Structures are given as C-alpha cells and as structure tokens.
Amino acid sequence: MAKLRKIEDERDARACLAAVRAAGGRIGTWARAHGVDGRSLNAWRENLTRASAGGRVDRSGRTPRAQLSPISPGLVELVAAPSVPSAARYALRIGTASIEFGDDFREETLRRVVAMLRSC
C-alpha cells in the first residue's frame, strides 16, 4: 500500500478542498483517489472552518489555543443501530470525560463524540 501524502500547508489544503468541492464528492473518497491522507485533509478543513469564524491557522493547520473561543459541551445524539452485542468493551478517558463502547460501536459515531469532547 502506497504511503498517503499529508497536507503540507494552508495553500495545499485550500487547493485540495477546492478540488473536492469541484468533484462534488466526499473528502475521504477524493483523498484516497489522489493519494492524500484524508485525516490530514479533514483536520485542515475543520481548522480552516474554525479560523474563518474569526481565528487564525498556523503552519501546521492548527488554530492556536489562544484563538479558540470557549465552547460549551453540547449534546451528541447517539442512535443505536441493531447489531449483535459485542463481548469486548473499551473505555476512552479524556480528562474527566469517559466514553465506553464495544466493537459494535460505529466509527463515525465515535468520531463525532471525540470531536465534541475536543471542543471542550
């Protein structure tokens, strides 16, 4: 498997995101097709979106901590999907927050929950 290219800077991120919009697809699909690390591109998208709301982005694509506005924790709706219960259980602890889930937990849902926790 070929190594995926990480997004280097804001210019690179904006060019790739424009190409995704022009293609009319999803970031992950476009990134895989073009040898780009989808997680890197998505992180840049999130940080550029946050920056456009009034902050700035540094070379690494992160919004400096001082520029982040405090965000109150919000409610994340979790919808249970019918599945076979998992015997394995995992606990993810971030600061004082804790999330417990099993192998049957959807990756998409976990990403949404972790993103909400990061905003705290």
PDB file of N, CA and C in Angstrom:
ATOM      1  N   MET A   1       0.844  -1.183   0.000  1.00  0.00           N
ATOM      2  CA  MET A   1       0.000   0.000   0.000  1.00  0.00           C
ATOM      3  C   MET A   1       0.886   1.242   0.000  1.00  0.00           C
ATOM      4  N   ALA A   2       0.605   2.178  -0.883  1.00  0.00           N
ATOM      5  CA  ALA A   2       1.406   3.389  -1.005  1.00  0.00           C
ATOM      6  C   ALA A   2       1.137   4.315   0.182  1.00  0.00           C
ATOM      7  N   LYS A   3       2.178   5.029   0.590  1.00  0.00           N
ATOM      8  CA  LYS A   3       2.046   5.970   1.697  1.00  0.00           C
ATOM      9  C   LYS A   3       1.243   7.177   1.215  1.00  0.00           C
ATOM     10  N   LEU A   4       0.291   7.601   2.021  1.00  0.00           N
ATOM     11  CA  LEU A   4      -0.542   8.743   1.667  1.00  0.00           C
ATOM     12  C   LEU A   4       0.174  10.037   2.027  1.00  0.00           C
ATOM     13  N   ARG A   5       0.017  11.024   1.168  1.00  0.00           N
ATOM     14  CA  ARG A   5       0.661  12.320   1.345  1.00  0.00           C
ATOM     15  C   ARG A   5      -0.125  13.159   2.343  1.00  0.00           C
ATOM     16  N   LYS A   6       0.586  13.707   3.334  1.00  0.00           N
ATOM     17  CA  LYS A   6      -0.041  14.625   4.293  1.00  0.00           C
ATOM     18  C   LYS A   6      -0.133  16.013   3.663  1.00  0.00           C
ATOM     19  N   ILE A   7      -1.108  16.774   4.070  1.00  0.00           N
ATOM     20  CA  ILE A   7      -1.270  18.143   3.605  1.00  0.00           C
ATOM     21  C   ILE A   7      -0.173  18.983   4.245  1.00  0.00           C
ATOM     22  N   GLU A   8       0.559  19.708   3.423  1.00  0.00           N
ATOM     23  CA  GLU A   8       1.743  20.451   3.886  1.00  0.00           C
ATOM     24  C   GLU A   8       1.434  21.784   4.553  1.00  0.00           C
ATOM     25  N   ASP A   9       0.524  22.553   3.951  1.00  0.00           N
ATOM     26  CA  ASP A   9       0.271  23.894   4.467  1.00  0.00           C
ATOM     27  C   ASP A   9      -1.122  24.345   4.048  1.00  0.00           C
ATOM     28  N   GLU A  10      -1.473  25.565   4.433  1.00  0.00           N
ATOM     29  CA  GLU A  10      -2.805  26.088   4.157  1.00  0.00           C
ATOM     30  C   GLU A  10      -3.088  26.161   2.658  1.00  0.00           C
ATOM     31  N   ARG A  11      -2.105  26.578   1.871  1.00  0.00           N
ATOM     32  CA  ARG A  11      -2.287  26.676   0.415  1.00  0.00           C
ATOM     33  C   ARG A  11      -2.628  25.309  -0.168  1.00  0.00           C
ATOM     34  N   ASP A  12      -1.879  24.301   0.245  1.00  0.00           N
ATOM     35  CA  ASP A  12      -2.103  22.929  -0.202  1.00  0.00           C
ATOM     36  C   ASP A  12      -3.502  22.464   0.211  1.00  0.00           C
ATOM     37  N   ALA A  13      -3.879  22.742   1.454  1.00  0.00           N
ATOM     38  CA  ALA A  13      -5.191  22.336   1.963  1.00  0.00           C
ATOM     39  C   ALA A  13      -6.310  22.997   1.167  1.00  0.00           C
ATOM     40  N   ARG A  14      -6.191  24.298   0.936  1.00  0.00           N
ATOM     41  CA  ARG A  14      -7.242  25.011   0.193  1.00  0.00           C
ATOM     42  C   ARG A  14      -7.373  24.496  -1.238  1.00  0.00           C
ATOM     43  N   ALA A  15      -6.242  24.179  -1.877  1.00  0.00           N
ATOM     44  CA  ALA A  15      -6.273  23.652  -3.240  1.00  0.00           C
ATOM     45  C   ALA A  15      -6.964  22.287  -3.269  1.00  0.00           C
ATOM     46  N   CYS A  16      -6.620  21.431  -2.320  1.00  0.00           N
ATOM     47  CA  CYS A  16      -7.245  20.106  -2.266  1.00  0.00           C
ATOM     48  C   CYS A  16      -8.733  20.208  -1.956  1.00  0.00           C
ATOM     49  N   LEU A  17      -9.103  21.066  -1.014  1.00  0.00           N
ATOM     50  CA  LEU A  17     -10.511  21.226  -0.662  1.00  0.00           C
ATOM     51  C   LEU A  17     -11.318  21.792  -1.826  1.00  0.00           C
ATOM     52  N   ALA A  18     -10.713  22.678  -2.598  1.00  0.00           N
ATOM     53  CA  ALA A  18     -11.386  23.207  -3.796  1.00  0.00           C
ATOM     54  C   ALA A  18     -11.599  22.090  -4.810  1.00  0.00           C
ATOM     55  N   ALA A  19     -10.617  21.211  -4.941  1.00  0.00           N
ATOM     56  CA  ALA A  19     -10.742  20.078  -5.863  1.00  0.00           C
ATOM     57  C   ALA A  19     -11.836  19.123  -5.401  1.00  0.00           C
ATOM     58  N   VAL A  20     -11.954  18.918  -4.102  1.00  0.00           N
ATOM     59  CA  VAL A  20     -13.022  18.061  -3.570  1.00  0.00           C
ATOM     60  C   VAL A  20     -14.377  18.664  -3.904  1.00  0.00           C
ATOM     61  N   ARG A  21     -14.522  19.982  -3.673  1.00  0.00           N
ATOM     62  CA  ARG A  21     -15.791  20.657  -3.984  1.00  0.00           C
ATOM     63  C   ARG A  21     -16.105  20.560  -5.467  1.00  0.00           C
ATOM     64  N   ALA A  22     -15.095  20.763  -6.312  1.00  0.00           N
ATOM     65  CA  ALA A  22     -15.302  20.703  -7.770  1.00  0.00           C
ATOM     66  C   ALA A  22     -15.724  19.304  -8.204  1.00  0.00           C
ATOM     67  N   ALA A  23     -15.174  18.290  -7.540  1.00  0.00           N
ATOM     68  CA  ALA A  23     -15.516  16.909  -7.883  1.00  0.00           C
ATOM     69  C   ALA A  23     -16.897  16.539  -7.347  1.00  0.00           C
ATOM     70  N   GLY A  24     -17.358  17.287  -6.354  1.00  0.00           N
ATOM     71  CA  GLY A  24     -18.683  17.037  -5.797  1.00  0.00           C
ATOM     72  C   GLY A  24     -18.776  15.780  -4.954  1.00  0.00           C
ATOM     73  N   GLY A  25     -17.645  15.289  -4.482  1.00  0.00           N
ATOM     74  CA  GLY A  25     -17.658  14.053  -3.700  1.00  0.00           C
ATOM     75  C   GLY A  25     -17.351  14.290  -2.243  1.00  0.00           C
ATOM     76  N   ARG A  26     -16.985  13.210  -1.589  1.00  0.00           N
ATOM     77  CA  ARG A  26     -16.620  13.254  -0.176  1.00  0.00           C
ATOM     78  C   ARG A  26     -15.109  13.390  -0.047  1.00  0.00           C
ATOM     79  N   ILE A  27     -14.664  13.983   1.031  1.00  0.00           N
ATOM     80  CA  ILE A  27     -13.232  14.192   1.255  1.00  0.00           C
ATOM     81  C   ILE A  27     -12.482  12.866   1.235  1.00  0.00           C
ATOM     82  N   GLY A  28     -12.966  11.881   1.975  1.00  0.00           N
ATOM     83  CA  GLY A  28     -12.276  10.596   2.062  1.00  0.00           C
ATOM     84  C   GLY A  28     -12.120   9.913   0.721  1.00  0.00           C
ATOM     85  N   THR A  29     -13.188   9.927  -0.078  1.00  0.00           N
ATOM     86  CA  THR A  29     -13.152   9.295  -1.397  1.00  0.00           C
ATOM     87  C   THR A  29     -12.166  10.010  -2.303  1.00  0.00           C
ATOM     88  N   TRP A  30     -12.233  11.334  -2.321  1.00  0.00           N
ATOM     89  CA  TRP A  30     -11.329  12.119  -3.171  1.00  0.00           C
ATOM     90  C   TRP A  30      -9.884  11.908  -2.723  1.00  0.00           C
ATOM     91  N   ALA A  31      -9.663  11.950  -1.404  1.00  0.00           N
ATOM     92  CA  ALA A  31      -8.297  11.824  -0.874  1.00  0.00           C
ATOM     93  C   ALA A  31      -7.675  10.484  -1.270  1.00  0.00           C
ATOM     94  N   ARG A  32      -8.416   9.384  -1.088  1.00  0.00           N
ATOM     95  CA  ARG A  32      -7.884   8.067  -1.459  1.00  0.00           C
ATOM     96  C   ARG A  32      -7.548   8.018  -2.944  1.00  0.00           C
ATOM     97  N   ALA A  33      -8.412   8.571  -3.772  1.00  0.00           N
ATOM     98  CA  ALA A  33      -8.200   8.550  -5.224  1.00  0.00           C
ATOM     99  C   ALA A  33      -6.985   9.368  -5.646  1.00  0.00           C
ATOM    100  N   HIS A  34      -6.576  10.348  -4.817  1.00  0.00           N
ATOM    101  CA  HIS A  34      -5.467  11.230  -5.168  1.00  0.00           C
ATOM    102  C   HIS A  34      -4.236  11.034  -4.283  1.00  0.00           C
ATOM    103  N   GLY A  35      -4.209   9.955  -3.490  1.00  0.00           N
ATOM    104  CA  GLY A  35      -3.037   9.647  -2.674  1.00  0.00           C
ATOM    105  C   GLY A  35      -2.798  10.600  -1.526  1.00  0.00           C
ATOM    106  N   VAL A  36      -3.876  11.221  -1.043  1.00  0.00           N
ATOM    107  CA  VAL A  36      -3.775  12.198   0.039  1.00  0.00           C
ATOM    108  C   VAL A  36      -4.327  11.574   1.311  1.00  0.00           C
ATOM    109  N   ASP A  37      -3.707  11.868   2.450  1.00  0.00           N
ATOM    110  CA  ASP A  37      -4.184  11.393   3.740  1.00  0.00           C
ATOM    111  C   ASP A  37      -5.484  12.127   4.069  1.00  0.00           C
ATOM    112  N   GLY A  38      -6.597  11.410   4.058  1.00  0.00           N
ATOM    113  CA  GLY A  38      -7.909  12.011   4.297  1.00  0.00           C
ATOM    114  C   GLY A  38      -8.040  12.617   5.675  1.00  0.00           C
ATOM    115  N   ARG A  39      -7.398  12.008   6.688  1.00  0.00           N
ATOM    116  CA  ARG A  39      -7.458  12.572   8.045  1.00  0.00           C
ATOM    117  C   ARG A  39      -6.759  13.922   8.098  1.00  0.00           C
ATOM    118  N   SER A  40      -5.626  14.030   7.405  1.00  0.00           N
ATOM    119  CA  SER A  40      -4.890  15.290   7.371  1.00  0.00           C
ATOM    120  C   SER A  40      -5.734  16.374   6.692  1.00  0.00           C
ATOM    121  N   LEU A  41      -6.336  16.017   5.555  1.00  0.00           N
ATOM    122  CA  LEU A  41      -7.156  16.987   4.815  1.00  0.00           C
ATOM    123  C   LEU A  41      -8.372  17.394   5.633  1.00  0.00           C
ATOM    124  N   ASN A  42      -9.013  16.432   6.289  1.00  0.00           N
ATOM    125  CA  ASN A  42     -10.193  16.752   7.091  1.00  0.00           C
ATOM    126  C   ASN A  42      -9.832  17.635   8.279  1.00  0.00           C
ATOM    127  N   ALA A  43      -8.680  17.394   8.902  1.00  0.00           N
ATOM    128  CA  ALA A  43      -8.243  18.243  10.017  1.00  0.00           C
ATOM    129  C   ALA A  43      -8.023  19.672   9.539  1.00  0.00           C
ATOM    130  N   TRP A  44      -7.424  19.818   8.360  1.00  0.00           N
ATOM    131  CA  TRP A  44      -7.241  21.158   7.789  1.00  0.00           C
ATOM    132  C   TRP A  44      -8.600  21.804   7.519  1.00  0.00           C
ATOM    133  N   ARG A  45      -9.548  21.030   6.983  1.00  0.00           N
ATOM    134  CA  ARG A  45     -10.884  21.576   6.699  1.00  0.00           C
ATOM    135  C   ARG A  45     -11.516  22.096   7.990  1.00  0.00           C
ATOM    136  N   GLU A  46     -11.457  21.301   9.048  1.00  0.00           N
ATOM    137  CA  GLU A  46     -12.042  21.717  10.325  1.00  0.00           C
ATOM    138  C   GLU A  46     -11.367  22.978  10.864  1.00  0.00           C
ATOM    139  N   ASN A  47     -10.049  23.018  10.801  1.00  0.00           N
ATOM    140  CA  ASN A  47      -9.330  24.180  11.331  1.00  0.00           C
ATOM    141  C   ASN A  47      -9.525  25.419  10.472  1.00  0.00           C
ATOM    142  N   LEU A  48      -9.608  25.257   9.166  1.00  0.00           N
ATOM    143  CA  LEU A  48      -9.867  26.415   8.307  1.00  0.00           C
ATOM    144  C   LEU A  48     -11.283  26.945   8.536  1.00  0.00           C
ATOM    145  N   THR A  49     -12.224  26.036   8.760  1.00  0.00           N
ATOM    146  CA  THR A  49     -13.596  26.453   9.059  1.00  0.00           C
ATOM    147  C   THR A  49     -13.623  27.224  10.368  1.00  0.00           C
ATOM    148  N   ARG A  50     -12.912  26.705  11.368  1.00  0.00           N
ATOM    149  CA  ARG A  50     -12.842  27.381  12.662  1.00  0.00           C
ATOM    150  C   ARG A  50     -12.165  28.738  12.510  1.00  0.00           C
ATOM    151  N   ALA A  51     -11.100  28.789  11.715  1.00  0.00           N
ATOM    152  CA  ALA A  51     -10.370  30.037  11.525  1.00  0.00           C
ATOM    153  C   ALA A  51     -11.216  31.075  10.802  1.00  0.00           C
ATOM    154  N   SER A  52     -12.047  30.633   9.867  1.00  0.00           N
ATOM    155  CA  SER A  52     -12.877  31.582   9.127  1.00  0.00           C
ATOM    156  C   SER A  52     -13.925  32.221  10.030  1.00  0.00           C
ATOM    157  N   ALA A  53     -14.137  31.611  11.187  1.00  0.00           N
ATOM    158  CA  ALA A  53     -15.076  32.172  12.151  1.00  0.00           C
ATOM    159  C   ALA A  53     -14.404  33.216  13.036  1.00  0.00           C
ATOM    160  N   GLY A  54     -13.165  33.597  12.700  1.00  0.00           N
ATOM    161  CA  GLY A  54     -12.524  34.681  13.436  1.00  0.00           C
ATOM    162  C   GLY A  54     -11.150  34.400  13.977  1.00  0.00           C
ATOM    163  N   GLY A  55     -10.698  33.184  13.897  1.00  0.00           N
ATOM    164  CA  GLY A  55      -9.370  32.863  14.410  1.00  0.00           C
ATOM    165  C   GLY A  55      -8.357  32.840  13.280  1.00  0.00           C
ATOM    166  N   ARG A  56      -7.170  32.320  13.554  1.00  0.00           N
ATOM    167  CA  ARG A  56      -6.161  32.175  12.521  1.00  0.00           C
ATOM    168  C   ARG A  56      -5.607  30.762  12.592  1.00  0.00           C
ATOM    169  N   VAL A  57      -4.944  30.335  11.554  1.00  0.00           N
ATOM    170  CA  VAL A  57      -4.386  28.988  11.478  1.00  0.00           C
ATOM    171  C   VAL A  57      -2.878  29.108  11.349  1.00  0.00           C
ATOM    172  N   ASP A  58      -2.130  28.294  12.122  1.00  0.00           N
ATOM    173  CA  ASP A  58      -0.674  28.323  11.982  1.00  0.00           C
ATOM    174  C   ASP A  58      -0.237  27.372  10.871  1.00  0.00           C
ATOM    175  N   ARG A  59       1.046  27.287  10.619  1.00  0.00           N
ATOM    176  CA  ARG A  59       1.576  26.489   9.508  1.00  0.00           C
ATOM    177  C   ARG A  59       1.176  25.020   9.583  1.00  0.00           C
ATOM    178  N   SER A  60       1.017  24.502  10.785  1.00  0.00           N
ATOM    179  CA  SER A  60       0.661  23.094  10.946  1.00  0.00           C
ATOM    180  C   SER A  60      -0.823  22.845  10.699  1.00  0.00           C
ATOM    181  N   GLY A  61      -1.597  23.914  10.527  1.00  0.00           N
ATOM    182  CA  GLY A  61      -3.025  23.747  10.294  1.00  0.00           C
ATOM    183  C   GLY A  61      -3.857  23.843  11.544  1.00  0.00           C
ATOM    184  N   ARG A  62      -3.218  24.107  12.670  1.00  0.00           N
ATOM    185  CA  ARG A  62      -3.953  24.200  13.918  1.00  0.00           C
ATOM    186  C   ARG A  62      -4.299  25.647  14.230  1.00  0.00           C
ATOM    187  N   THR A  63      -5.411  25.824  14.891  1.00  0.00           N
ATOM    188  CA  THR A  63      -5.769  27.136  15.388  1.00  0.00           C
ATOM    189  C   THR A  63      -5.108  27.279  16.752  1.00  0.00           C
ATOM    190  N   PRO A  64      -4.236  28.299  16.936  1.00  0.00           N
ATOM    191  CA  PRO A  64      -3.573  28.452  18.228  1.00  0.00           C
ATOM    192  C   PRO A  64      -4.580  28.493  19.373  1.00  0.00           C
ATOM    193  N   ARG A  65      -4.248  27.854  20.492  1.00  0.00           N
ATOM    194  CA  ARG A  65      -5.146  27.728  21.640  1.00  0.00           C
ATOM    195  C   ARG A  65      -5.722  29.084  22.053  1.00  0.00           C
ATOM    196  N   ALA A  66      -4.892  30.126  22.007  1.00  0.00           N
ATOM    197  CA  ALA A  66      -5.351  31.454  22.423  1.00  0.00           C
ATOM    198  C   ALA A  66      -6.456  31.971  21.519  1.00  0.00           C
ATOM    199  N   GLN A  67      -6.534  31.493  20.278  1.00  0.00           N
ATOM    200  CA  GLN A  67      -7.536  31.963  19.333  1.00  0.00           C
ATOM    201  C   GLN A  67      -8.851  31.199  19.433  1.00  0.00           C
ATOM    202  N   LEU A  68      -8.857  30.070  20.110  1.00  0.00           N
ATOM    203  CA  LEU A  68     -10.070  29.267  20.196  1.00  0.00           C
ATOM    204  C   LEU A  68     -11.054  29.914  21.151  1.00  0.00           C
ATOM    205  N   SER A  69     -12.285  30.025  20.715  1.00  0.00           N
ATOM    206  CA  SER A  69     -13.296  30.555  21.607  1.00  0.00           C
ATOM    207  C   SER A  69     -13.800  29.419  22.478  1.00  0.00           C
ATOM    208  N   PRO A  70     -14.119  29.711  23.721  1.00  0.00           N
ATOM    209  CA  PRO A  70     -14.610  28.644  24.586  1.00  0.00           C
ATOM    210  C   PRO A  70     -15.935  28.122  24.046  1.00  0.00           C
ATOM    211  N   ILE A  71     -16.061  26.823  24.010  1.00  0.00           N
ATOM    212  CA  ILE A  71     -17.273  26.203  23.502  1.00  0.00           C
ATOM    213  C   ILE A  71     -17.854  25.353  24.614  1.00  0.00           C
ATOM    214  N   SER A  72     -19.117  25.537  24.857  1.00  0.00           N
ATOM    215  CA  SER A  72     -19.774  24.738  25.877  1.00  0.00           C
ATOM    216  C   SER A  72     -19.986  23.334  25.353  1.00  0.00           C
ATOM    217  N   PRO A  73     -19.868  22.355  26.230  1.00  0.00           N
ATOM    218  CA  PRO A  73     -20.166  20.992  25.785  1.00  0.00           C
ATOM    219  C   PRO A  73     -21.600  20.941  25.285  1.00  0.00           C
ATOM    220  N   GLY A  74     -21.819  20.178  24.253  1.00  0.00           N
ATOM    221  CA  GLY A  74     -23.156  20.053  23.696  1.00  0.00           C
ATOM    222  C   GLY A  74     -23.642  18.623  23.780  1.00  0.00           C
ATOM    223  N   LEU A  75     -24.851  18.442  23.398  1.00  0.00           N
ATOM    224  CA  LEU A  75     -25.454  17.121  23.377  1.00  0.00           C
ATOM    225  C   LEU A  75     -25.155  16.468  22.038  1.00  0.00           C
ATOM    226  N   VAL A  76     -24.651  15.260  22.066  1.00  0.00           N
ATOM    227  CA  VAL A  76     -24.417  14.496  20.855  1.00  0.00           C
ATOM    228  C   VAL A  76     -25.436  13.376  20.836  1.00  0.00           C
ATOM    229  N   GLU A  77     -26.271  13.371  19.819  1.00  0.00           N
ATOM    230  CA  GLU A  77     -27.299  12.344  19.719  1.00  0.00           C
ATOM    231  C   GLU A  77     -26.678  11.047  19.230  1.00  0.00           C
ATOM    232  N   LEU A  78     -26.881   9.984  19.966  1.00  0.00           N
ATOM    233  CA  LEU A  78     -26.404   8.667  19.582  1.00  0.00           C
ATOM    234  C   LEU A  78     -27.614   7.805  19.271  1.00  0.00           C
ATOM    235  N   VAL A  79     -27.619   7.250  18.089  1.00  0.00           N
ATOM    236  CA  VAL A  79     -28.723   6.401  17.676  1.00  0.00           C
ATOM    237  C   VAL A  79     -28.207   4.975  17.620  1.00  0.00           C
ATOM    238  N   ALA A  80     -28.831   4.110  18.381  1.00  0.00           N
ATOM    239  CA  ALA A  80     -28.392   2.713  18.415  1.00  0.00           C
ATOM    240  C   ALA A  80     -28.798   2.011  17.129  1.00  0.00           C
ATOM    241  N   ALA A  81     -27.842   1.322  16.548  1.00  0.00           N
ATOM    242  CA  ALA A  81     -28.118   0.522  15.360  1.00  0.00           C
ATOM    243  C   ALA A  81     -28.265  -0.929  15.797  1.00  0.00           C
ATOM    244  N   PRO A  82     -29.243  -1.620  15.237  1.00  0.00           N
ATOM    245  CA  PRO A  82     -29.385  -3.018  15.633  1.00  0.00           C
ATOM    246  C   PRO A  82     -28.163  -3.819  15.191  1.00  0.00           C
ATOM    247  N   SER A  83     -27.570  -4.527  16.123  1.00  0.00           N
ATOM    248  CA  SER A  83     -26.400  -5.330  15.810  1.00  0.00           C
ATOM    249  C   SER A  83     -26.231  -6.397  16.876  1.00  0.00           C
ATOM    250  N   VAL A  84     -25.319  -7.281  16.617  1.00  0.00           N
ATOM    251  CA  VAL A  84     -25.001  -8.319  17.586  1.00  0.00           C
ATOM    252  C   VAL A  84     -24.168  -7.677  18.687  1.00  0.00           C
ATOM    253  N   PRO A  85     -24.552  -7.837  19.938  1.00  0.00           N
ATOM    254  CA  PRO A  85     -23.785  -7.220  21.023  1.00  0.00           C
ATOM    255  C   PRO A  85     -22.336  -7.716  21.036  1.00  0.00           C
ATOM    256  N   SER A  86     -21.449  -6.817  21.381  1.00  0.00           N
ATOM    257  CA  SER A  86     -20.025  -7.141  21.443  1.00  0.00           C
ATOM    258  C   SER A  86     -19.651  -7.576  22.852  1.00  0.00           C
ATOM    259  N   ALA A  87     -18.824  -8.585  22.941  1.00  0.00           N
ATOM    260  CA  ALA A  87     -18.347  -9.022  24.243  1.00  0.00           C
ATOM    261  C   ALA A  87     -17.238  -8.095  24.745  1.00  0.00           C
ATOM    262  N   ALA A  88     -16.459  -7.523  23.821  1.00  0.00           N
ATOM    263  CA  ALA A  88     -15.355  -6.639  24.199  1.00  0.00           C
ATOM    264  C   ALA A  88     -15.897  -5.249  24.519  1.00  0.00           C
ATOM    265  N   ARG A  89     -15.410  -4.659  25.585  1.00  0.00           N
ATOM    266  CA  ARG A  89     -15.790  -3.300  25.972  1.00  0.00           C
ATOM    267  C   ARG A  89     -14.525  -2.474  26.108  1.00  0.00           C
ATOM    268  N   TYR A  90     -14.607  -1.205  25.740  1.00  0.00           N
ATOM    269  CA  TYR A  90     -13.474  -0.292  25.804  1.00  0.00           C
ATOM    270  C   TYR A  90     -13.914   0.960  26.541  1.00  0.00           C
ATOM    271  N   ALA A  91     -12.983   1.580  27.230  1.00  0.00           N
ATOM    272  CA  ALA A  91     -13.255   2.844  27.905  1.00  0.00           C
ATOM    273  C   ALA A  91     -12.216   3.852  27.426  1.00  0.00           C
ATOM    274  N   LEU A  92     -12.688   4.995  26.943  1.00  0.00           N
ATOM    275  CA  LEU A  92     -11.820   6.074  26.481  1.00  0.00           C
ATOM    276  C   LEU A  92     -11.985   7.223  27.468  1.00  0.00           C
ATOM    277  N   ARG A  93     -10.870   7.615  28.080  1.00  0.00           N
ATOM    278  CA  ARG A  93     -10.919   8.705  29.052  1.00  0.00           C
ATOM    279  C   ARG A  93     -10.109   9.883  28.532  1.00  0.00           C
ATOM    280  N   ILE A  94     -10.756  11.047  28.493  1.00  0.00           N
ATOM    281  CA  ILE A  94     -10.101  12.287  28.093  1.00  0.00           C
ATOM    282  C   ILE A  94     -10.397  13.285  29.205  1.00  0.00           C
ATOM    283  N   GLY A  95      -9.382  13.600  29.960  1.00  0.00           N
ATOM    284  CA  GLY A  95      -9.594  14.477  31.113  1.00  0.00           C
ATOM    285  C   GLY A  95     -10.544  13.793  32.085  1.00  0.00           C
ATOM    286  N   THR A  96     -11.636  14.461  32.409  1.00  0.00           N
ATOM    287  CA  THR A  96     -12.614  13.881  33.326  1.00  0.00           C
ATOM    288  C   THR A  96     -13.749  13.175  32.599  1.00  0.00           C
ATOM    289  N   ALA A  97     -13.760  13.258  31.277  1.00  0.00           N
ATOM    290  CA  ALA A  97     -14.821  12.612  30.496  1.00  0.00           C
ATOM    291  C   ALA A  97     -14.448  11.166  30.199  1.00  0.00           C
ATOM    292  N   SER A  98     -15.452  10.323  30.101  1.00  0.00           N
ATOM    293  CA  SER A  98     -15.226   8.913  29.817  1.00  0.00           C
ATOM    294  C   SER A  98     -16.295   8.431  28.846  1.00  0.00           C
ATOM    295  N   ILE A  99     -15.880   7.639  27.869  1.00  0.00           N
ATOM    296  CA  ILE A  99     -16.796   7.044  26.897  1.00  0.00           C
ATOM    297  C   ILE A  99     -16.554   5.548  26.925  1.00  0.00           C
ATOM    298  N   GLU A 100     -17.609   4.773  27.026  1.00  0.00           N
ATOM    299  CA  GLU A 100     -17.479   3.323  26.972  1.00  0.00           C
ATOM    300  C   GLU A 100     -18.185   2.837  25.722  1.00  0.00           C
ATOM    301  N   PHE A 101     -17.545   1.900  25.009  1.00  0.00           N
ATOM    302  CA  PHE A 101     -18.112   1.370  23.774  1.00  0.00           C
ATOM    303  C   PHE A 101     -17.558  -0.013  23.511  1.00  0.00           C
ATOM    304  N   GLY A 102     -18.187  -0.722  22.580  1.00  0.00           N
ATOM    305  CA  GLY A 102     -17.761  -2.069  22.210  1.00  0.00           C
ATOM    306  C   GLY A 102     -17.370  -2.126  20.750  1.00  0.00           C
ATOM    307  N   ASP A 103     -17.008  -3.309  20.293  1.00  0.00           N
ATOM    308  CA  ASP A 103     -16.613  -3.486  18.895  1.00  0.00           C
ATOM    309  C   ASP A 103     -17.743  -3.150  17.929  1.00  0.00           C
ATOM    310  N   ASP A 104     -18.978  -3.220  18.388  1.00  0.00           N
ATOM    311  CA  ASP A 104     -20.120  -2.934  17.526  1.00  0.00           C
ATOM    312  C   ASP A 104     -20.422  -1.446  17.406  1.00  0.00           C
ATOM    313  N   PHE A 105     -19.657  -0.600  18.100  1.00  0.00           N
ATOM    314  CA  PHE A 105     -19.839   0.847  18.057  1.00  0.00           C
ATOM    315  C   PHE A 105     -19.368   1.373  16.711  1.00  0.00           C
ATOM    316  N   ARG A 106     -20.143   2.238  16.061  1.00  0.00           N
ATOM    317  CA  ARG A 106     -19.794   2.755  14.739  1.00  0.00           C
ATOM    318  C   ARG A 106     -18.680   3.796  14.839  1.00  0.00           C
ATOM    319  N   GLU A 107     -17.686   3.676  13.967  1.00  0.00           N
ATOM    320  CA  GLU A 107     -16.541   4.582  13.940  1.00  0.00           C
ATOM    321  C   GLU A 107     -16.995   6.026  13.726  1.00  0.00           C
ATOM    322  N   GLU A 108     -17.958   6.238  12.860  1.00  0.00           N
ATOM    323  CA  GLU A 108     -18.485   7.577  12.567  1.00  0.00           C
ATOM    324  C   GLU A 108     -19.020   8.227  13.850  1.00  0.00           C
ATOM    325  N   THR A 109     -19.748   7.471  14.642  1.00  0.00           N
ATOM    326  CA  THR A 109     -20.309   7.994  15.883  1.00  0.00           C
ATOM    327  C   THR A 109     -19.207   8.329  16.878  1.00  0.00           C
ATOM    328  N   LEU A 110     -18.220   7.455  16.993  1.00  0.00           N
ATOM    329  CA  LEU A 110     -17.103   7.717  17.897  1.00  0.00           C
ATOM    330  C   LEU A 110     -16.368   8.990  17.490  1.00  0.00           C
ATOM    331  N   ARG A 111     -16.167   9.194  16.188  1.00  0.00           N
ATOM    332  CA  ARG A 111     -15.510  10.430  15.723  1.00  0.00           C
ATOM    333  C   ARG A 111     -16.289  11.663  16.137  1.00  0.00           C
ATOM    334  N   ARG A 112     -17.630  11.622  16.006  1.00  0.00           N
ATOM    335  CA  ARG A 112     -18.455  12.772  16.385  1.00  0.00           C
ATOM    336  C   ARG A 112     -18.340  13.057  17.875  1.00  0.00           C
ATOM    337  N   VAL A 113     -18.352  11.994  18.690  1.00  0.00           N
ATOM    338  CA  VAL A 113     -18.265  12.169  20.137  1.00  0.00           C
ATOM    339  C   VAL A 113     -16.900  12.740  20.526  1.00  0.00           C
ATOM    340  N   VAL A 114     -15.832  12.206  19.962  1.00  0.00           N
ATOM    341  CA  VAL A 114     -14.476  12.687  20.274  1.00  0.00           C
ATOM    342  C   VAL A 114     -14.316  14.136  19.816  1.00  0.00           C
ATOM    343  N   ALA A 115     -14.862  14.477  18.650  1.00  0.00           N
ATOM    344  CA  ALA A 115     -14.783  15.868  18.158  1.00  0.00           C
ATOM    345  C   ALA A 115     -15.491  16.806  19.134  1.00  0.00           C
ATOM    346  N   MET A 116     -16.630  16.371  19.655  1.00  0.00           N
ATOM    347  CA  MET A 116     -17.351  17.205  20.623  1.00  0.00           C
ATOM    348  C   MET A 116     -16.515  17.370  21.888  1.00  0.00           C
ATOM    349  N   LEU A 117     -15.873  16.294  22.346  1.00  0.00           N
ATOM    350  CA  LEU A 117     -15.035  16.379  23.544  1.00  0.00           C
ATOM    351  C   LEU A 117     -13.834  17.293  23.335  1.00  0.00           C
ATOM    352  N   ARG A 118     -13.247  17.239  22.134  1.00  0.00           N
ATOM    353  CA  ARG A 118     -12.093  18.102  21.851  1.00  0.00           C
ATOM    354  C   ARG A 118     -12.450  19.565  21.924  1.00  0.00           C
ATOM    355  N   SER A 119     -13.701  19.889  21.623  1.00  0.00           N
ATOM    356  CA  SER A 119     -14.114  21.295  21.628  1.00  0.00           C
ATOM    357  C   SER A 119     -14.273  21.850  23.039  1.00  0.00           C
ATOM    358  N   CYS A 120     -14.253  20.970  24.021  1.00  0.00           N
ATOM    359  CA  CYS A 120     -14.440  21.414  25.414  1.00  0.00           C
ATOM    360  C   CYS A 120     -13.165  21.990  25.980  1.00  0.00           C
TER     361      CYS A 120
END
